[in-house]
PDB file of N, CA and C in Angstrom:
ATOM      1  N   MET A   1     -13.628 -17.009  12.301  1.00  0.00           N
ATOM      2  CA  MET A   1     -12.420 -16.324  12.660  1.00  0.00           C
ATOM      3  C   MET A   1     -12.118 -16.640  14.122  1.00  0.00           C
ATOM      4  N   ALA A   2     -10.891 -17.059  14.364  1.00  0.00           N
ATOM      5  CA  ALA A   2     -10.472 -17.371  15.722  1.00  0.00           C
ATOM      6  C   ALA A   2      -9.719 -16.182  16.307  1.00  0.00           C
ATOM      7  N   VAL A   3      -9.906 -15.951  17.589  1.00  0.00           N
ATOM      8  CA  VAL A   3      -9.191 -14.894  18.297  1.00  0.00           C
ATOM      9  C   VAL A   3      -8.495 -15.541  19.481  1.00  0.00           C
ATOM     10  N   THR A   4      -7.218 -15.230  19.628  1.00  0.00           N
ATOM     11  CA  THR A   4      -6.454 -15.835  20.715  1.00  0.00           C
ATOM     12  C   THR A   4      -5.388 -14.865  21.199  1.00  0.00           C
ATOM     13  N   ARG A   5      -4.724 -15.271  22.265  1.00  0.00           N
ATOM     14  CA  ARG A   5      -3.638 -14.458  22.823  1.00  0.00           C
ATOM     15  C   ARG A   5      -2.298 -15.007  22.346  1.00  0.00           C
ATOM     16  N   GLN A   6      -1.291 -14.171  22.434  1.00  0.00           N
ATOM     17  CA  GLN A   6       0.048 -14.551  22.001  1.00  0.00           C
ATOM     18  C   GLN A   6       0.548 -15.789  22.753  1.00  0.00           C
ATOM     19  N   MET A   7       0.266 -15.866  24.034  1.00  0.00           N
ATOM     20  CA  MET A   7       0.741 -17.013  24.824  1.00  0.00           C
ATOM     21  C   MET A   7       0.056 -18.310  24.398  1.00  0.00           C
ATOM     22  N   ASP A   8      -1.221 -18.209  23.966  1.00  0.00           N
ATOM     23  CA  ASP A   8      -1.926 -19.398  23.492  1.00  0.00           C
ATOM     24  C   ASP A   8      -1.364 -19.884  22.155  1.00  0.00           C
ATOM     25  N   ILE A   9      -0.954 -18.947  21.316  1.00  0.00           N
ATOM     26  CA  ILE A   9      -0.315 -19.322  20.046  1.00  0.00           C
ATOM     27  C   ILE A   9       0.945 -20.128  20.329  1.00  0.00           C
ATOM     28  N   ARG A  10       1.753 -19.650  21.251  1.00  0.00           N
ATOM     29  CA  ARG A  10       3.001 -20.363  21.586  1.00  0.00           C
ATOM     30  C   ARG A  10       2.716 -21.783  22.063  1.00  0.00           C
ATOM     31  N   ALA A  11       1.676 -21.922  22.870  1.00  0.00           N
ATOM     32  CA  ALA A  11       1.368 -23.231  23.447  1.00  0.00           C
ATOM     33  C   ALA A  11       0.687 -24.177  22.456  1.00  0.00           C
ATOM     34  N   ASN A  12      -0.024 -23.614  21.474  1.00  0.00           N
ATOM     35  CA  ASN A  12      -0.822 -24.442  20.546  1.00  0.00           C
ATOM     36  C   ASN A  12      -0.595 -24.033  19.093  1.00  0.00           C
ATOM     37  N   ILE A  13       0.637 -23.808  18.726  1.00  0.00           N
ATOM     38  CA  ILE A  13       0.937 -23.263  17.403  1.00  0.00           C
ATOM     39  C   ILE A  13       0.396 -24.133  16.272  1.00  0.00           C
ATOM     40  N   LYS A  14       0.513 -25.449  16.389  1.00  0.00           N
ATOM     41  CA  LYS A  14       0.023 -26.340  15.337  1.00  0.00           C
ATOM     42  C   LYS A  14      -1.481 -26.169  15.142  1.00  0.00           C
ATOM     43  N   LYS A  15      -2.210 -26.105  16.235  1.00  0.00           N
ATOM     44  CA  LYS A  15      -3.670 -25.950  16.173  1.00  0.00           C
ATOM     45  C   LYS A  15      -4.050 -24.686  15.404  1.00  0.00           C
ATOM     46  N   TYR A  16      -3.408 -23.571  15.729  1.00  0.00           N
ATOM     47  CA  TYR A  16      -3.765 -22.313  15.088  1.00  0.00           C
ATOM     48  C   TYR A  16      -3.268 -22.239  13.645  1.00  0.00           C
ATOM     49  N   PHE A  17      -2.109 -22.808  13.368  1.00  0.00           N
ATOM     50  CA  PHE A  17      -1.637 -22.863  11.986  1.00  0.00           C
ATOM     51  C   PHE A  17      -2.567 -23.727  11.133  1.00  0.00           C
ATOM     52  N   ASP A  18      -3.053 -24.834  11.700  1.00  0.00           N
ATOM     53  CA  ASP A  18      -4.000 -25.685  10.971  1.00  0.00           C
ATOM     54  C   ASP A  18      -5.301 -24.936  10.691  1.00  0.00           C
ATOM     55  N   LEU A  19      -5.767 -24.148  11.660  1.00  0.00           N
ATOM     56  CA  LEU A  19      -6.967 -23.338  11.442  1.00  0.00           C
ATOM     57  C   LEU A  19      -6.750 -22.355  10.292  1.00  0.00           C
ATOM     58  N   ALA A  20      -5.615 -21.666  10.323  1.00  0.00           N
ATOM     59  CA  ALA A  20      -5.309 -20.698   9.264  1.00  0.00           C
ATOM     60  C   ALA A  20      -5.196 -21.388   7.915  1.00  0.00           C
ATOM     61  N   PHE A  21      -4.549 -22.541   7.881  1.00  0.00           N
ATOM     62  CA  PHE A  21      -4.382 -23.268   6.624  1.00  0.00           C
ATOM     63  C   PHE A  21      -5.729 -23.714   6.056  1.00  0.00           C
ATOM     64  N   SER A  22      -6.677 -24.023   6.937  1.00  0.00           N
ATOM     65  CA  SER A  22      -8.000 -24.470   6.477  1.00  0.00           C
ATOM     66  C   SER A  22      -8.897 -23.296   6.085  1.00  0.00           C
ATOM     67  N   GLY A  23      -8.386 -22.070   6.151  1.00  0.00           N
ATOM     68  CA  GLY A  23      -9.141 -20.913   5.687  1.00  0.00           C
ATOM     69  C   GLY A  23      -9.714 -20.032   6.771  1.00  0.00           C
ATOM     70  N   GLU A  24      -9.444 -20.349   8.025  1.00  0.00           N
ATOM     71  CA  GLU A  24      -9.970 -19.533   9.121  1.00  0.00           C
ATOM     72  C   GLU A  24      -8.880 -18.598   9.636  1.00  0.00           C
ATOM     73  N   PRO A  25      -9.015 -17.295   9.430  1.00  0.00           N
ATOM     74  CA  PRO A  25      -8.003 -16.365   9.945  1.00  0.00           C
ATOM     75  C   PRO A  25      -7.937 -16.430  11.469  1.00  0.00           C
ATOM     76  N   VAL A  26      -6.740 -16.256  11.990  1.00  0.00           N
ATOM     77  CA  VAL A  26      -6.534 -16.277  13.438  1.00  0.00           C
ATOM     78  C   VAL A  26      -6.006 -14.906  13.856  1.00  0.00           C
ATOM     79  N   ILE A  27      -6.787 -14.204  14.666  1.00  0.00           N
ATOM     80  CA  ILE A  27      -6.343 -12.914  15.186  1.00  0.00           C
ATOM     81  C   ILE A  27      -5.612 -13.163  16.489  1.00  0.00           C
ATOM     82  N   VAL A  28      -4.410 -12.641  16.577  1.00  0.00           N
ATOM     83  CA  VAL A  28      -3.602 -12.791  17.782  1.00  0.00           C
ATOM     84  C   VAL A  28      -3.537 -11.425  18.462  1.00  0.00           C
ATOM     85  N   SER A  29      -4.167 -11.325  19.642  1.00  0.00           N
ATOM     86  CA  SER A  29      -4.159 -10.050  20.360  1.00  0.00           C
ATOM     87  C   SER A  29      -2.848  -9.909  21.122  1.00  0.00           C
ATOM     88  N   ARG A  30      -2.335  -8.682  21.070  1.00  0.00           N
ATOM     89  CA  ARG A  30      -1.069  -8.381  21.737  1.00  0.00           C
ATOM     90  C   ARG A  30      -1.220  -7.081  22.511  1.00  0.00           C
ATOM     91  N   LYS A  31      -0.255  -6.798  23.358  1.00  0.00           N
ATOM     92  CA  LYS A  31      -0.278  -5.568  24.148  1.00  0.00           C
ATOM     93  C   LYS A  31      -0.290  -4.351  23.232  1.00  0.00           C
ATOM     94  N   GLU A  32      -0.830  -3.267  23.753  1.00  0.00           N
ATOM     95  CA  GLU A  32      -0.892  -1.983  23.055  1.00  0.00           C
ATOM     96  C   GLU A  32      -1.610  -2.084  21.712  1.00  0.00           C
ATOM     97  N   ASN A  33      -2.513  -3.033  21.595  1.00  0.00           N
ATOM     98  CA  ASN A  33      -3.318  -3.224  20.387  1.00  0.00           C
ATOM     99  C   ASN A  33      -2.461  -3.431  19.130  1.00  0.00           C
ATOM    100  N   LYS A  34      -1.322  -4.086  19.295  1.00  0.00           N
ATOM    101  CA  LYS A  34      -0.443  -4.417  18.166  1.00  0.00           C
ATOM    102  C   LYS A  34      -0.775  -5.828  17.679  1.00  0.00           C
ATOM    103  N   ASN A  35      -2.044  -6.019  17.344  1.00  0.00           N
ATOM    104  CA  ASN A  35      -2.548  -7.333  16.951  1.00  0.00           C
ATOM    105  C   ASN A  35      -2.034  -7.736  15.572  1.00  0.00           C
ATOM    106  N   VAL A  36      -1.992  -9.036  15.341  1.00  0.00           N
ATOM    107  CA  VAL A  36      -1.612  -9.586  14.043  1.00  0.00           C
ATOM    108  C   VAL A  36      -2.658 -10.619  13.637  1.00  0.00           C
ATOM    109  N   VAL A  37      -2.671 -10.920  12.336  1.00  0.00           N
ATOM    110  CA  VAL A  37      -3.583 -11.927  11.815  1.00  0.00           C
ATOM    111  C   VAL A  37      -2.760 -12.998  11.115  1.00  0.00           C
ATOM    112  N   VAL A  38      -3.037 -14.262  11.413  1.00  0.00           N
ATOM    113  CA  VAL A  38      -2.370 -15.386  10.765  1.00  0.00           C
ATOM    114  C   VAL A  38      -3.332 -15.937   9.719  1.00  0.00           C
ATOM    115  N   ILE A  39      -2.852 -15.978   8.448  1.00  0.00           N
ATOM    116  CA  ILE A  39      -3.648 -16.530   7.355  1.00  0.00           C
ATOM    117  C   ILE A  39      -2.774 -17.494   6.561  1.00  0.00           C
ATOM    118  N   SER A  40      -3.404 -18.297   5.737  1.00  0.00           N
ATOM    119  CA  SER A  40      -2.646 -19.247   4.919  1.00  0.00           C
ATOM    120  C   SER A  40      -1.899 -18.501   3.819  1.00  0.00           C
ATOM    121  N   GLU A  41      -0.889 -19.144   3.287  1.00  0.00           N
ATOM    122  CA  GLU A  41      -0.121 -18.556   2.185  1.00  0.00           C
ATOM    123  C   GLU A  41      -1.026 -18.313   0.977  1.00  0.00           C
ATOM    124  N   ARG A  42      -1.895 -19.240   0.681  1.00  0.00           N
ATOM    125  CA  ARG A  42      -2.804 -19.110  -0.453  1.00  0.00           C
ATOM    126  C   ARG A  42      -3.684 -17.876  -0.296  1.00  0.00           C
ATOM    127  N   GLU A  43      -4.220 -17.689   0.905  1.00  0.00           N
ATOM    128  CA  GLU A  43      -5.071 -16.532   1.159  1.00  0.00           C
ATOM    129  C   GLU A  43      -4.265 -15.232   1.060  1.00  0.00           C
ATOM    130  N   TYR A  44      -3.034 -15.263   1.547  1.00  0.00           N
ATOM    131  CA  TYR A  44      -2.161 -14.095   1.449  1.00  0.00           C
ATOM    132  C   TYR A  44      -1.945 -13.710  -0.013  1.00  0.00           C
ATOM    133  N   PHE A  45      -1.620 -14.688  -0.868  1.00  0.00           N
ATOM    134  CA  PHE A  45      -1.398 -14.407  -2.283  1.00  0.00           C
ATOM    135  C   PHE A  45      -2.678 -13.931  -2.958  1.00  0.00           C
ATOM    136  N   ASP A  46      -3.823 -14.465  -2.555  1.00  0.00           N
ATOM    137  CA  ASP A  46      -5.104 -13.993  -3.096  1.00  0.00           C
ATOM    138  C   ASP A  46      -5.334 -12.522  -2.729  1.00  0.00           C
ATOM    139  N   LEU A  47      -5.007 -12.151  -1.504  1.00  0.00           N
ATOM    140  CA  LEU A  47      -5.153 -10.759  -1.075  1.00  0.00           C
ATOM    141  C   LEU A  47      -4.205  -9.843  -1.846  1.00  0.00           C
ATOM    142  N   GLN A  48      -2.980 -10.307  -2.064  1.00  0.00           N
ATOM    143  CA  GLN A  48      -2.015  -9.513  -2.832  1.00  0.00           C
ATOM    144  C   GLN A  48      -2.498  -9.305  -4.265  1.00  0.00           C
ATOM    145  N   LYS A  49      -3.053 -10.354  -4.851  1.00  0.00           N
ATOM    146  CA  LYS A  49      -3.571 -10.266  -6.213  1.00  0.00           C
ATOM    147  C   LYS A  49      -4.738  -9.281  -6.266  1.00  0.00           C
ATOM    148  N   ALA A  50      -5.639  -9.353  -5.293  1.00  0.00           N
ATOM    149  CA  ALA A  50      -6.778  -8.440  -5.243  1.00  0.00           C
ATOM    150  C   ALA A  50      -6.306  -6.996  -5.097  1.00  0.00           C
ATOM    151  N   LYS A  51      -5.267  -6.789  -4.311  1.00  0.00           N
ATOM    152  CA  LYS A  51      -4.708  -5.445  -4.125  1.00  0.00           C
ATOM    153  C   LYS A  51      -4.137  -4.918  -5.438  1.00  0.00           C
ATOM    154  N   ARG A  52      -3.371  -5.767  -6.151  1.00  0.00           N
ATOM    155  CA  ARG A  52      -2.805  -5.347  -7.436  1.00  0.00           C
ATOM    156  C   ARG A  52      -3.915  -5.053  -8.443  1.00  0.00           C
ATOM    157  N   ASN A  53      -4.963  -5.881  -8.451  1.00  0.00           N
ATOM    158  CA  ASN A  53      -6.089  -5.658  -9.359  1.00  0.00           C
ATOM    159  C   ASN A  53      -6.785  -4.332  -9.056  1.00  0.00           C
ATOM    160  N   ALA A  54      -6.971  -4.019  -7.785  1.00  0.00           N
ATOM    161  CA  ALA A  54      -7.613  -2.762  -7.396  1.00  0.00           C
ATOM    162  C   ALA A  54      -6.758  -1.571  -7.833  1.00  0.00           C
ATOM    163  N   GLU A  55      -5.430  -1.688  -7.660  1.00  0.00           N
ATOM    164  CA  GLU A  55      -4.537  -0.609  -8.098  1.00  0.00           C
ATOM    165  C   GLU A  55      -4.606  -0.431  -9.611  1.00  0.00           C
ATOM    166  N   TYR A  56      -4.669  -1.535 -10.346  1.00  0.00           N
ATOM    167  CA  TYR A  56      -4.748  -1.474 -11.803  1.00  0.00           C
ATOM    168  C   TYR A  56      -6.068  -0.843 -12.245  1.00  0.00           C
ATOM    169  N   LEU A  57      -7.170  -1.220 -11.599  1.00  0.00           N
ATOM    170  CA  LEU A  57      -8.466  -0.635 -11.943  1.00  0.00           C
ATOM    171  C   LEU A  57      -8.492   0.858 -11.653  1.00  0.00           C
ATOM    172  N   THR A  58      -7.856   1.282 -10.583  1.00  0.00           N
ATOM    173  CA  THR A  58      -7.760   2.707 -10.269  1.00  0.00           C
ATOM    174  C   THR A  58      -6.988   3.439 -11.367  1.00  0.00           C
ATOM    175  N   MET A  59      -5.902   2.831 -11.836  1.00  0.00           N
ATOM    176  CA  MET A  59      -5.117   3.417 -12.914  1.00  0.00           C
ATOM    177  C   MET A  59      -5.962   3.522 -14.194  1.00  0.00           C
ATOM    178  N   LEU A  60      -6.732   2.480 -14.498  1.00  0.00           N
ATOM    179  CA  LEU A  60      -7.600   2.520 -15.673  1.00  0.00           C
ATOM    180  C   LEU A  60      -8.659   3.615 -15.549  1.00  0.00           C
ATOM    181  N   ASP A  61      -9.253   3.742 -14.370  1.00  0.00           N
ATOM    182  CA  ASP A  61     -10.251   4.793 -14.150  1.00  0.00           C
ATOM    183  C   ASP A  61      -9.644   6.167 -14.398  1.00  0.00           C
ATOM    184  N   ARG A  62      -8.432   6.373 -13.911  1.00  0.00           N
ATOM    185  CA  ARG A  62      -7.742   7.661 -14.119  1.00  0.00           C
ATOM    186  C   ARG A  62      -7.479   7.879 -15.613  1.00  0.00           C
ATOM    187  N   SER A  63      -7.097   6.835 -16.322  1.00  0.00           N
ATOM    188  CA  SER A  63      -6.851   6.944 -17.757  1.00  0.00           C
ATOM    189  C   SER A  63      -8.127   7.315 -18.504  1.00  0.00           C
ATOM    190  N   PHE A  64      -9.247   6.710 -18.134  1.00  0.00           N
ATOM    191  CA  PHE A  64     -10.524   7.038 -18.767  1.00  0.00           C
ATOM    192  C   PHE A  64     -10.925   8.486 -18.489  1.00  0.00           C
ATOM    193  N   GLU A  65     -10.643   8.967 -17.273  1.00  0.00           N
ATOM    194  CA  GLU A  65     -10.919  10.366 -16.937  1.00  0.00           C
ATOM    195  C   GLU A  65     -10.079  11.300 -17.808  1.00  0.00           C
ATOM    196  N   GLN A  66      -8.798  10.956 -17.962  1.00  0.00           N
ATOM    197  CA  GLN A  66      -7.923  11.783 -18.794  1.00  0.00           C
ATOM    198  C   GLN A  66      -8.414  11.803 -20.238  1.00  0.00           C
ATOM    199  N   LEU A  67      -8.834  10.664 -20.747  1.00  0.00           N
ATOM    200  CA  LEU A  67      -9.360  10.586 -22.110  1.00  0.00           C
ATOM    201  C   LEU A  67     -10.616  11.436 -22.255  1.00  0.00           C
ATOM    202  N   ALA A  68     -11.522  11.333 -21.294  1.00  0.00           N
ATOM    203  CA  ALA A  68     -12.768  12.100 -21.345  1.00  0.00           C
ATOM    204  C   ALA A  68     -12.507  13.599 -21.268  1.00  0.00           C
ATOM    205  N   ASN A  69     -11.433  13.987 -20.566  1.00  0.00           N
ATOM    206  CA  ASN A  69     -11.097  15.407 -20.420  1.00  0.00           C
ATOM    207  C   ASN A  69     -10.187  15.911 -21.536  1.00  0.00           C
ATOM    208  N   GLY A  70      -9.886  15.063 -22.482  1.00  0.00           N
ATOM    209  CA  GLY A  70      -9.031  15.467 -23.598  1.00  0.00           C
ATOM    210  C   GLY A  70      -7.566  15.577 -23.243  1.00  0.00           C
ATOM    211  N   GLU A  71      -7.160  14.972 -22.144  1.00  0.00           N
ATOM    212  CA  GLU A  71      -5.760  15.024 -21.700  1.00  0.00           C
ATOM    213  C   GLU A  71      -4.980  13.877 -22.340  1.00  0.00           C
ATOM    214  N   VAL A  72      -4.897  13.908 -23.680  1.00  0.00           N
ATOM    215  CA  VAL A  72      -4.230  12.828 -24.405  1.00  0.00           C
ATOM    216  C   VAL A  72      -3.211  13.407 -25.383  1.00  0.00           C
ATOM    217  N   VAL A  73      -2.291  12.589 -25.800  1.00  0.00           N
ATOM    218  CA  VAL A  73      -1.322  12.949 -26.822  1.00  0.00           C
ATOM    219  C   VAL A  73      -1.570  12.018 -27.999  1.00  0.00           C
ATOM    220  N   THR A  74      -1.716  12.590 -29.181  1.00  0.00           N
ATOM    221  CA  THR A  74      -1.988  11.804 -30.381  1.00  0.00           C
ATOM    222  C   THR A  74      -0.723  11.741 -31.224  1.00  0.00           C
ATOM    223  N   LYS A  75      -0.370  10.548 -31.665  1.00  0.00           N
ATOM    224  CA  LYS A  75       0.809  10.329 -32.512  1.00  0.00           C
ATOM    225  C   LYS A  75       0.373   9.584 -33.763  1.00  0.00           C
ATOM    226  N   SER A  76       0.981   9.945 -34.893  1.00  0.00           N
ATOM    227  CA  SER A  76       0.732   9.198 -36.121  1.00  0.00           C
ATOM    228  C   SER A  76       1.564   7.923 -36.100  1.00  0.00           C
ATOM    229  N   MET A  77       1.247   7.011 -36.993  1.00  0.00           N
ATOM    230  CA  MET A  77       1.998   5.765 -37.084  1.00  0.00           C
ATOM    231  C   MET A  77       3.469   6.056 -37.424  1.00  0.00           C
ATOM    232  N   ASP A  78       3.707   7.042 -38.306  1.00  0.00           N
ATOM    233  CA  ASP A  78       5.083   7.408 -38.661  1.00  0.00           C
ATOM    234  C   ASP A  78       5.849   7.915 -37.437  1.00  0.00           C
ATOM    235  N   GLU A  79       5.193   8.724 -36.618  1.00  0.00           N
ATOM    236  CA  GLU A  79       5.841   9.240 -35.412  1.00  0.00           C
ATOM    237  C   GLU A  79       6.160   8.100 -34.441  1.00  0.00           C
ATOM    238  N   LEU A  80       5.260   7.167 -34.301  1.00  0.00           N
ATOM    239  CA  LEU A  80       5.493   6.030 -33.399  1.00  0.00           C
ATOM    240  C   LEU A  80       6.644   5.159 -33.911  1.00  0.00           C
ATOM    241  N   GLU A  81       6.667   4.930 -35.209  1.00  0.00           N
ATOM    242  CA  GLU A  81       7.769   4.122 -35.783  1.00  0.00           C
ATOM    243  C   GLU A  81       9.101   4.818 -35.606  1.00  0.00           C
ATOM    244  N   HIS A  82       9.097   6.134 -35.774  1.00  0.00           N
ATOM    245  CA  HIS A  82      10.339   6.897 -35.571  1.00  0.00           C
ATOM    246  C   HIS A  82      10.805   6.786 -34.115  1.00  0.00           C
ATOM    247  N   LEU A  83       9.866   6.876 -33.170  1.00  0.00           N
ATOM    248  CA  LEU A  83      10.215   6.728 -31.761  1.00  0.00           C
ATOM    249  C   LEU A  83      10.777   5.334 -31.472  1.00  0.00           C
ATOM    250  N   ALA A  84      10.218   4.327 -32.113  1.00  0.00           N
ATOM    251  CA  ALA A  84      10.671   2.952 -31.895  1.00  0.00           C
ATOM    252  C   ALA A  84      12.080   2.750 -32.433  1.00  0.00           C
ATOM    253  N   ASP A  85      12.426   3.472 -33.504  1.00  0.00           N
ATOM    254  CA  ASP A  85      13.751   3.334 -34.108  1.00  0.00           C
ATOM    255  C   ASP A  85      14.835   4.004 -33.288  1.00  0.00           C
ATOM    256  N   GLU A  86      14.473   4.969 -32.466  1.00  0.00           N
ATOM    257  CA  GLU A  86      15.480   5.713 -31.683  1.00  0.00           C
ATOM    258  C   GLU A  86      16.050   4.898 -30.564  1.00  0.00           C
TER     259      GLU A  86
END
């Protein structure tokens, strides 16, 4: 992981973008601790996918808890078909 200042990014943007593209995150320190991290697009999409997967797993865990606690609604096949027809 590379750490640099905002002024160094401006002066050497290609160098730091190449580092990020090769898989090395670049932390850019800024005033008032408003730091940012530069990562590759591929890594960004991987992080987004991991976030969505974690949210989905949390939803599944909640569903399993509801099932275990009997918090379910049971429908017959006829009731489901009737709902589909509406």
